[in-house]
Structure formats: structure tokens, C-alpha cells
Amino acid sequence: MKILAINPGSTSTKIAVYEYGTPVDEERSNDMASSELYSEFSLIKSIPHSPEDLMRFEKVSHQYDWRKALIHKELESAGYKLDFDAVVGRGSLAKPVEGGVYIVSQKMVDDAKNAEHQHACDLGCILAYDIASEIPGCLSLTADPGVVDELCDYARISGSPHCERICIWHALNQRATARKYAKAIGKRYEDLNLIVCHLGGGISVAAHEHGRAIDANNALDGEGPFSPERAGSLPAVSLINLCFSGKYTQDQLLKRIAGHAGLQAHLGTTNVIEIERRIKEGDKKAELILNAMIYHVAKAIASEGAVLYGNVDAILITGGMARSNYVVERIIKRVEYMAPVRVFPGENEMEALVYNAGAVLRGEIEPKQY
């Protein structure tokens, strides 16, 4: 089988080609770093987008033709023809869905183009749909978008009937990581209770009960621990007072929730390596802020233990920031009393997309209709 994976991000478009008969997520890969897993691909490419490139477009949706042309150019220069069995794209934030692999339909494409939460990932399923349509017999797929919603009823209710809780989280990587861990110990994901924490520009923590994420935070819009780029949960009265202070526009305040928030707002950088260097040089503020983020992450993980009645088989830590020993070791010290902790560094989104597409092509997963 031959699969093209497409992952549009805020500052890049990643593509990968996989054309072997064995799945990416084979047993020998369970303990390998993300960069080593890339050796399973015949092509892995991150196409960078400069701020100047992106500023030309008023909306994310306007970037579509430009990004599609870049993908075609990259495939052509690498000598690939459009003869894929499946094209799989990162899912959009259009509307809540159950977890799983979906056949991309025109309805999904239309919803992605008009998604309330505009993000580059909204282009993933659109690109997969259009490129697959150029290839006879090719499937267009997406898997576990960030708006996968399997919350239990309690999780939806907040203290105000005007503010129902929703989740926007790293569903693709979290679920792929959970399945990888289950396979490594010879069990099924659906038979385990897991807490999975994705440490990236945003941080999401979810309770996975027998194959369903029954509780997860809104890691995009301001809930949970603060992160390198996001404010997380804020004191409500202070936030309301800030909104009516007259000092900021709505757009400026939104950027102080996601973008110019978290580590960026406190320390002027999202680079944890840089912050660790400052700490080694005696910067007490950097130490305080990074340790505070770690504290709130651990607290969020512990709270999901209550969701699972303390019946936790393992805690899994993943995402790009999971490569930081400083961060991971301090989280583990606070939560390892609950369950064994395992670390899976990296975002692993390309592997997850290809794994899900391959499972459909092999008949192991029945794709869902949107």
C-alpha cells in the first residue's frame, strides 16, 4: 500500500509518504524516538512557512491553493506520482465527533471551510479530499480530529448554564500513544484506563476509560494548565475585569489566551531549552515560572485520577516537550504515586495518520461516515 499523509500546521505543512507492507506501529518501534520512526517513511518533509508568507492571507482558508501547490511541488521534486491508495489529512476543528477514522466527504469539507475555530489543521481533510479525487480508487481519510468529543455528561457541565464545557485536545497523538502503549504490554487500548498528557505549545490532559476519552480539557481556548503558548484556566473575575478595563481590544485579549500567553507572556519565549539554560545560569524567575507550569500539569493529571475513581493502569506523557528531562522528571515525581508513568516523546502525528490509514486499507478498522 502507498499512503500520503498531510498535516497542516500554524507555521509549516508536513507531508509523509509510506509505501511498505508493514505497519508503522510495529512492536519493534514502541521504544523508538519519533525521529527514528521516520525511517519507516520513504519521504518525510516539513515545508516551512514564514510569517511574511502567511501574512498575505486574511484567513487560514485562503491559504488552501498555496499550500496545495507546495505539496504537489514537493512530491514532484521527490519523484512521486499521484498513485496513492489513500490520502489522509489531519482533522479539522469543525464540529465534535466520536473518535475514529473517517472517510472525508463533501459535507466534512464544507464544515471545515466554515469552522468556528479557525486553525491550519482545518485544511488537512480538504487537501486529502481534493488530492485523492485526482487519483482513481484512492481513499480520502482523516482520523481523531482535535474536536473528538466522548465526554461523560458530568464533564460537560460547568458552574454556569451559559458556559458548557467542550474539549479541544490532541486526540490524534493521545489515542495513538495509548494504542502504542497497550500494544507494548500485550493488551488492548479498549481494556485499559489511562491518563494521557500531551505537552506541546498547548497542553491537553485526558482520562481514557476503556477506549473512550471521557474527560479532556479545552487546550485551545483557555482551560487546564498553562503552557508555552496558552494561558490555561484563569481567575474568572480577574479576566472579566480585564475585559472591561478598556486597555485591550477583543483581539488583543484573545491573543492573551492563546498565542501571547503562558511561558511566552511570562518569559518572552516558548523555548523550554532556552528557559532551562536560563535556570542553570541562576534566573530565579525562569525557574519559578517553569516549575509553576509543571505544578499545574501534575495537578491536572491527578484530577483525572478522580475521574477514573483511582483505577489507573498507567500515565502516559507525550508531545514535543516530553523530550525535556527537566519537565518530565518533575511531573513524574508528583504523579507516580497513582500509576506507572511512561514517556513517548514527540508529536507522532504523521505516524498516527499513516497507522490509521493503513489499518483501514488492511481491513482492521471500518472507517466511519461523517
Protein backbone atom coordinates (compact mmCIF):
# COMPACT_ATOMS: atom_id res chain seq x y z
CA MET A 1 0.00 0.00 0.00
CA LYS A 2 1.05 3.58 -0.61
CA ILE A 3 -0.18 6.36 1.66
CA LEU A 4 0.22 10.14 1.59
CA ALA A 5 -0.21 11.90 4.94
CA ILE A 6 -0.78 15.66 5.19
CA ASN A 7 -0.53 17.68 8.39
CA PRO A 8 -1.00 21.45 8.00
CA GLY A 9 0.28 23.40 10.99
CA SER A 10 0.47 27.03 12.01
CA THR A 11 3.96 27.55 10.58
CA SER A 12 4.50 24.54 8.30
CA THR A 13 2.86 21.86 6.19
CA LYS A 14 4.18 18.37 6.89
CA ILE A 15 3.82 15.57 4.38
CA ALA A 16 4.89 11.95 4.51
CA VAL A 17 4.80 9.05 2.06
CA TYR A 18 4.60 5.49 3.32
CA GLU A 19 4.81 2.65 0.81
CA TYR A 20 5.62 -0.57 2.60
CA GLY A 21 3.63 -3.62 3.58
CA THR A 22 4.27 -3.44 7.32
CA PRO A 23 2.54 -1.03 9.70
CA VAL A 24 4.48 1.90 11.12
CA ASP A 25 3.46 0.96 14.64
CA GLU A 26 5.12 -2.44 14.75
CA GLU A 27 6.35 -3.84 18.06
CA ARG A 28 10.00 -3.01 17.50
CA SER A 29 9.06 0.67 17.17
CA ASN A 30 7.45 1.00 20.59
CA ASP A 31 10.55 2.34 22.33
CA MET A 32 11.93 4.33 19.43
CA ALA A 33 12.06 8.11 19.32
CA SER A 34 9.87 9.92 16.83
CA SER A 35 12.84 10.86 14.63
CA GLU A 36 13.81 7.19 14.38
CA LEU A 37 10.28 6.23 13.42
CA TYR A 38 10.59 8.49 10.40
CA SER A 39 12.92 5.89 8.89
CA GLU A 40 9.76 3.88 8.17
CA PHE A 41 8.74 6.54 5.62
CA SER A 42 10.08 6.83 2.09
CA LEU A 43 9.53 10.60 2.36
CA ILE A 44 9.07 12.88 5.32
CA LYS A 45 9.10 16.62 4.72
CA SER A 46 8.21 19.70 6.71
CA ILE A 47 7.58 22.66 4.40
CA PRO A 48 8.21 25.83 6.46
CA HIS A 49 6.02 28.91 6.13
CA SER A 50 7.47 32.28 7.07
CA PRO A 51 5.37 34.95 8.83
CA GLU A 52 5.68 37.03 5.65
CA ASP A 53 4.16 34.19 3.59
CA LEU A 54 1.25 33.76 5.97
CA MET A 55 0.55 37.47 6.36
CA ARG A 56 -0.54 37.57 2.70
CA PHE A 57 -3.70 35.66 3.63
CA GLU A 58 -6.55 37.24 5.58
CA LYS A 59 -7.94 33.86 6.67
CA VAL A 60 -6.48 30.38 7.09
CA SER A 61 -8.89 29.08 4.46
CA HIS A 62 -7.33 31.44 1.91
CA GLN A 63 -4.04 29.52 2.22
CA TYR A 64 -5.53 26.40 0.64
CA ASP A 65 -4.44 26.78 -3.01
CA TRP A 66 -0.98 27.95 -1.96
CA ARG A 67 -0.39 25.00 0.39
CA LYS A 68 -1.76 22.51 -2.15
CA ALA A 69 0.64 23.81 -4.80
CA LEU A 70 3.55 23.44 -2.36
CA ILE A 71 2.58 19.81 -1.69
CA HIS A 72 2.38 19.00 -5.39
CA LYS A 73 5.72 20.69 -5.98
CA GLU A 74 7.37 18.73 -3.16
CA LEU A 75 6.00 15.39 -4.37
CA GLU A 76 7.05 16.11 -7.94
CA SER A 77 10.57 17.15 -6.95
CA ALA A 78 10.91 13.93 -4.93
CA GLY A 79 9.81 11.87 -7.95
CA TYR A 80 6.41 10.73 -6.68
CA LYS A 81 3.43 10.22 -8.95
CA LEU A 82 -0.14 10.59 -7.77
CA ASP A 83 -0.79 6.86 -7.41
CA PHE A 84 -1.63 6.58 -3.70
CA ASP A 85 -4.06 4.09 -2.22
CA ALA A 86 -5.08 6.60 0.45
CA VAL A 87 -4.52 10.25 1.30
CA VAL A 88 -5.02 11.00 4.98
CA GLY A 89 -5.17 14.52 6.38
CA ARG A 90 -5.16 15.92 9.88
CA GLY A 91 -8.71 16.52 11.11
CA SER A 92 -10.37 19.90 11.37
CA LEU A 93 -11.97 21.68 14.33
CA ALA A 94 -15.33 21.96 12.54
CA LYS A 95 -17.63 20.15 14.96
CA PRO A 96 -17.50 17.48 17.68
CA VAL A 97 -17.30 13.85 16.53
CA GLU A 98 -16.61 10.47 18.06
CA GLY A 99 -13.07 9.20 17.85
CA GLY A 100 -12.03 7.03 14.94
CA VAL A 101 -11.11 7.13 11.24
CA TYR A 102 -13.48 8.93 8.88
CA ILE A 103 -13.97 8.94 5.14
CA VAL A 104 -13.75 12.58 4.09
CA SER A 105 -16.99 13.71 2.49
CA GLN A 106 -18.07 16.92 0.79
CA LYS A 107 -20.07 17.75 3.94
CA MET A 108 -16.91 17.46 6.06
CA VAL A 109 -15.03 19.68 3.61
CA ASP A 110 -17.79 22.31 3.70
CA ASP A 111 -17.87 22.28 7.50
CA ALA A 112 -14.06 22.57 7.68
CA LYS A 113 -14.13 25.62 5.42
CA ASN A 114 -16.63 27.28 7.78
CA ALA A 115 -15.23 26.08 11.11
CA GLU A 116 -15.75 28.43 14.04
CA HIS A 117 -12.28 27.70 15.40
CA GLN A 118 -10.00 28.67 12.52
CA HIS A 119 -6.76 26.68 12.55
CA ALA A 120 -4.41 25.42 9.87
CA CYS A 121 -5.46 21.85 10.68
CA ASP A 122 -8.86 22.65 9.11
CA LEU A 123 -7.10 22.41 5.74
CA GLY A 124 -5.98 18.81 6.31
CA CYS A 125 -9.15 17.00 5.35
CA ILE A 126 -9.79 19.44 2.47
CA LEU A 127 -6.36 18.75 0.98
CA ALA A 128 -6.80 14.99 1.44
CA TYR A 129 -10.21 15.10 -0.26
CA ASP A 130 -9.07 17.11 -3.28
CA ILE A 131 -5.79 15.28 -3.87
CA ALA A 132 -7.45 11.86 -3.50
CA SER A 133 -10.13 12.93 -6.00
CA GLU A 134 -7.37 13.22 -8.64
CA ILE A 135 -6.45 9.51 -8.18
CA PRO A 136 -8.79 6.69 -9.32
CA GLY A 137 -9.81 4.43 -6.43
CA CYS A 138 -7.96 6.45 -3.81
CA LEU A 139 -9.50 6.85 -0.34
CA SER A 140 -9.53 10.24 1.39
CA LEU A 141 -9.40 9.84 5.17
CA THR A 142 -8.94 11.69 8.42
CA ALA A 143 -8.53 10.40 11.96
CA ASP A 144 -9.19 11.58 15.52
CA PRO A 145 -9.51 15.34 14.96
CA GLY A 146 -8.89 17.72 17.86
CA VAL A 147 -12.62 18.02 18.49
CA VAL A 148 -13.20 14.35 19.27
CA ASP A 149 -15.88 14.52 21.96
CA GLU A 150 -16.56 11.46 24.10
CA LEU A 151 -17.04 13.40 27.35
CA CYS A 152 -19.21 11.93 30.07
CA ASP A 153 -22.26 14.02 31.00
CA TYR A 154 -20.68 15.35 34.20
CA ALA A 155 -17.70 16.70 32.28
CA ARG A 156 -19.88 18.96 30.11
CA ILE A 157 -21.39 20.90 32.99
CA SER A 158 -19.69 23.99 34.40
CA GLY A 159 -20.86 26.27 37.21
CA SER A 160 -22.74 28.44 34.72
CA PRO A 161 -25.51 27.22 32.39
CA HIS A 162 -24.23 29.79 29.89
CA CYS A 163 -20.83 28.09 29.62
CA GLU A 164 -20.95 24.41 28.74
CA ARG A 165 -17.55 22.69 28.75
CA ILE A 166 -16.19 21.48 25.44
CA CYS A 167 -12.90 19.75 24.67
CA ILE A 168 -10.35 20.66 22.03
CA TRP A 169 -7.33 18.47 22.58
CA HIS A 170 -4.56 16.44 20.98
CA ALA A 171 -6.81 13.49 20.26
CA LEU A 172 -4.76 12.11 17.35
CA ASN A 173 -1.48 11.80 19.24
CA GLN A 174 -3.06 10.91 22.57
CA ARG A 175 -5.01 7.99 21.16
CA ALA A 176 -2.10 6.77 19.03
CA THR A 177 0.16 6.90 22.09
CA ALA A 178 -2.39 5.00 24.15
CA ARG A 179 -2.66 2.28 21.49
CA LYS A 180 1.14 2.07 21.22
CA TYR A 181 1.44 1.60 24.99
CA ALA A 182 -1.31 -1.03 25.05
CA LYS A 183 0.38 -2.99 22.27
CA ALA A 184 3.73 -2.81 24.06
CA ILE A 185 2.28 -4.52 27.14
CA GLY A 186 0.24 -7.04 25.14
CA LYS A 187 -3.18 -5.58 25.88
CA ARG A 188 -5.92 -3.73 24.03
CA TYR A 189 -6.38 0.02 24.44
CA GLU A 190 -10.07 -0.67 24.99
CA ASP A 191 -9.28 -2.75 28.08
CA LEU A 192 -7.22 -0.10 29.89
CA ASN A 193 -7.79 3.01 32.00
CA LEU A 194 -5.15 5.59 31.08
CA ILE A 195 -4.34 9.22 31.75
CA VAL A 196 -2.57 10.76 28.77
CA CYS A 197 -0.86 14.15 28.86
CA HIS A 198 0.29 15.88 25.66
CA LEU A 199 2.96 18.51 26.31
CA GLY A 200 3.16 20.88 23.35
CA GLY A 201 2.53 24.53 22.55
CA GLY A 202 -0.79 23.71 24.18
CA ILE A 203 -1.21 21.09 26.87
CA SER A 204 -4.07 18.60 26.96
CA VAL A 205 -4.78 16.00 29.64
CA ALA A 206 -7.43 13.33 29.18
CA ALA A 207 -8.86 10.36 31.05
CA HIS A 208 -9.20 7.38 28.70
CA GLU A 209 -11.65 4.83 30.09
CA HIS A 210 -11.72 1.57 28.12
CA GLY A 211 -11.11 3.26 24.77
CA ARG A 212 -13.10 6.47 25.30
CA ALA A 213 -11.75 9.84 26.44
CA ILE A 214 -14.44 10.65 29.00
CA ASP A 215 -12.76 13.84 30.24
CA ALA A 216 -10.37 16.25 28.49
CA ASN A 217 -9.65 19.95 28.67
CA ASN A 218 -10.10 22.65 26.06
CA ALA A 219 -6.41 23.13 25.35
CA LEU A 220 -7.03 25.74 22.64
CA ASP A 221 -9.45 28.23 24.17
CA GLY A 222 -8.24 28.50 27.75
CA GLU A 223 -8.72 25.60 30.15
CA GLY A 224 -6.38 23.37 32.10
CA PRO A 225 -2.71 24.08 32.87
CA PHE A 226 -0.94 26.98 31.24
CA SER A 227 1.52 26.01 28.53
CA PRO A 228 4.28 27.55 26.41
CA GLU A 229 1.71 29.50 24.34
CA ARG A 230 -1.62 29.36 26.21
CA ALA A 231 -2.98 30.81 29.40
CA GLY A 232 -4.99 27.79 30.54
CA SER A 233 -7.66 28.36 33.20
CA LEU A 234 -7.71 31.91 34.56
CA PRO A 235 -9.36 33.51 37.62
CA ALA A 236 -12.79 34.41 36.24
CA VAL A 237 -13.35 37.74 38.00
CA SER A 238 -9.87 38.99 37.12
CA LEU A 239 -10.45 38.04 33.49
CA ILE A 240 -13.84 39.81 33.38
CA ASN A 241 -12.34 42.94 34.92
CA LEU A 242 -9.55 42.83 32.33
CA CYS A 243 -12.13 42.59 29.53
CA PHE A 244 -13.89 45.76 30.74
CA SER A 245 -10.76 47.69 31.64
CA GLY A 246 -10.70 49.44 28.27
CA LYS A 247 -7.00 48.69 27.92
CA TYR A 248 -7.31 45.96 25.31
CA THR A 249 -9.31 45.13 22.21
CA GLN A 250 -11.08 41.79 21.91
CA ASP A 251 -8.40 40.55 19.52
CA GLN A 252 -5.63 41.54 21.93
CA LEU A 253 -7.33 39.73 24.79
CA LEU A 254 -7.82 36.59 22.71
CA LYS A 255 -4.08 36.57 21.97
CA ARG A 256 -3.50 36.71 25.73
CA ILE A 257 -5.44 33.45 25.98
CA ALA A 258 -3.67 31.68 23.11
CA GLY A 259 -0.52 33.00 21.48
CA HIS A 260 0.98 35.64 23.75
CA ALA A 261 0.28 33.70 26.94
CA GLY A 262 1.81 31.07 29.20
CA LEU A 263 5.61 30.86 29.13
CA GLN A 264 5.68 33.34 26.25
CA ALA A 265 3.89 36.03 28.28
CA HIS A 266 5.92 35.44 31.45
CA LEU A 267 9.37 34.86 29.97
CA GLY A 268 9.26 36.11 26.39
CA THR A 269 9.93 32.68 24.88
CA THR A 270 8.25 29.31 24.33
CA ASN A 271 11.59 27.52 24.02
CA VAL A 272 11.98 25.24 27.03
CA ILE A 273 15.63 24.56 26.19
CA GLU A 274 16.28 28.30 26.40
CA ILE A 275 14.40 28.52 29.71
CA GLU A 276 16.41 25.60 31.14
CA ARG A 277 19.61 27.40 30.13
CA ARG A 278 18.44 30.50 32.00
CA ILE A 279 17.72 28.41 35.08
CA LYS A 280 21.20 26.91 35.01
CA GLU A 281 22.57 30.47 34.86
CA GLY A 282 20.65 31.39 38.02
CA ASP A 283 17.49 33.00 36.62
CA LYS A 284 15.06 32.56 39.54
CA LYS A 285 12.06 33.93 37.66
CA ALA A 286 12.53 31.41 34.86
CA GLU A 287 12.79 28.63 37.45
CA LEU A 288 9.63 29.81 39.24
CA ILE A 289 7.54 30.06 36.07
CA LEU A 290 8.62 26.74 34.52
CA ASN A 291 8.15 24.91 37.83
CA ALA A 292 4.72 26.52 38.17
CA MET A 293 3.70 25.16 34.77
CA ILE A 294 4.95 21.71 35.80
CA TYR A 295 2.98 22.00 39.06
CA HIS A 296 -0.27 22.77 37.23
CA VAL A 297 0.30 19.98 34.69
CA ALA A 298 0.76 17.47 37.50
CA LYS A 299 -2.35 18.79 39.23
CA ALA A 300 -4.37 18.31 36.04
CA ILE A 301 -3.09 14.74 35.68
CA ALA A 302 -4.01 13.98 39.30
CA SER A 303 -7.53 15.35 38.81
CA GLU A 304 -8.14 12.85 36.01
CA GLY A 305 -7.34 10.14 38.53
CA ALA A 306 -10.52 11.13 40.36
CA VAL A 307 -12.47 10.83 37.09
CA LEU A 308 -11.30 7.20 36.87
CA TYR A 309 -12.01 6.52 40.58
CA GLY A 310 -8.29 5.99 41.08
CA ASN A 311 -8.36 2.94 38.81
CA VAL A 312 -5.46 4.00 36.56
CA ASP A 313 -3.37 1.44 34.69
CA ALA A 314 -0.77 3.95 33.51
CA ILE A 315 0.01 7.62 32.96
CA LEU A 316 1.43 8.42 29.53
CA ILE A 317 3.36 11.61 28.77
CA THR A 318 3.83 12.63 25.14
CA GLY A 319 4.33 15.69 22.91
CA GLY A 320 7.35 17.72 21.92
CA MET A 321 8.05 19.00 25.44
CA ALA A 322 8.23 15.39 26.66
CA ARG A 323 11.81 15.48 25.34
CA SER A 324 12.72 17.74 28.28
CA ASN A 325 14.09 15.67 31.15
CA TYR A 326 13.71 18.70 33.42
CA VAL A 327 9.97 18.89 32.78
CA VAL A 328 9.20 15.18 32.65
CA GLU A 329 11.16 14.17 35.75
CA ARG A 330 9.41 16.80 37.87
CA ILE A 331 5.97 15.79 36.62
CA ILE A 332 6.70 12.14 37.33
CA LYS A 333 7.74 12.89 40.93
CA ARG A 334 4.31 14.41 41.57
CA VAL A 335 2.11 11.76 39.91
CA GLU A 336 3.90 8.42 40.03
CA TYR A 337 2.08 7.53 43.26
CA MET A 338 -1.04 6.98 41.13
CA ALA A 339 0.25 4.58 38.48
CA PRO A 340 3.31 3.69 36.38
CA VAL A 341 4.41 6.58 34.15
CA ARG A 342 5.66 6.02 30.61
CA VAL A 343 7.09 8.69 28.29
CA PHE A 344 6.58 8.83 24.49
CA PRO A 345 8.41 11.95 23.27
CA GLY A 346 7.29 13.79 20.14
CA GLU A 347 4.01 14.69 18.50
CA ASN A 348 3.91 11.47 16.46
CA GLU A 349 1.04 12.84 14.36
CA MET A 350 2.38 11.68 10.99
CA GLU A 351 2.86 8.14 12.28
CA ALA A 352 -0.64 8.21 13.77
CA LEU A 353 -2.22 9.36 10.50
CA VAL A 354 -0.42 6.68 8.48
CA TYR A 355 -1.15 3.98 11.06
CA ASN A 356 -4.89 4.73 10.93
CA ALA A 357 -4.99 4.87 7.12
CA GLY A 358 -3.04 1.62 6.91
CA ALA A 359 -5.44 -0.07 9.33
CA VAL A 360 -8.34 0.89 7.04
CA LEU A 361 -6.55 -0.41 3.94
CA ARG A 362 -5.76 -3.69 5.71
CA GLY A 363 -9.37 -4.07 6.80
CA GLU A 364 -8.54 -3.81 10.50
CA ILE A 365 -10.65 -0.66 11.01
CA GLU A 366 -14.01 0.13 9.46
CA PRO A 367 -13.97 3.84 8.58
CA LYS A 368 -16.86 5.92 9.86
CA GLN A 369 -19.19 8.14 7.86
CA TYR A 370 -19.23 11.80 8.85
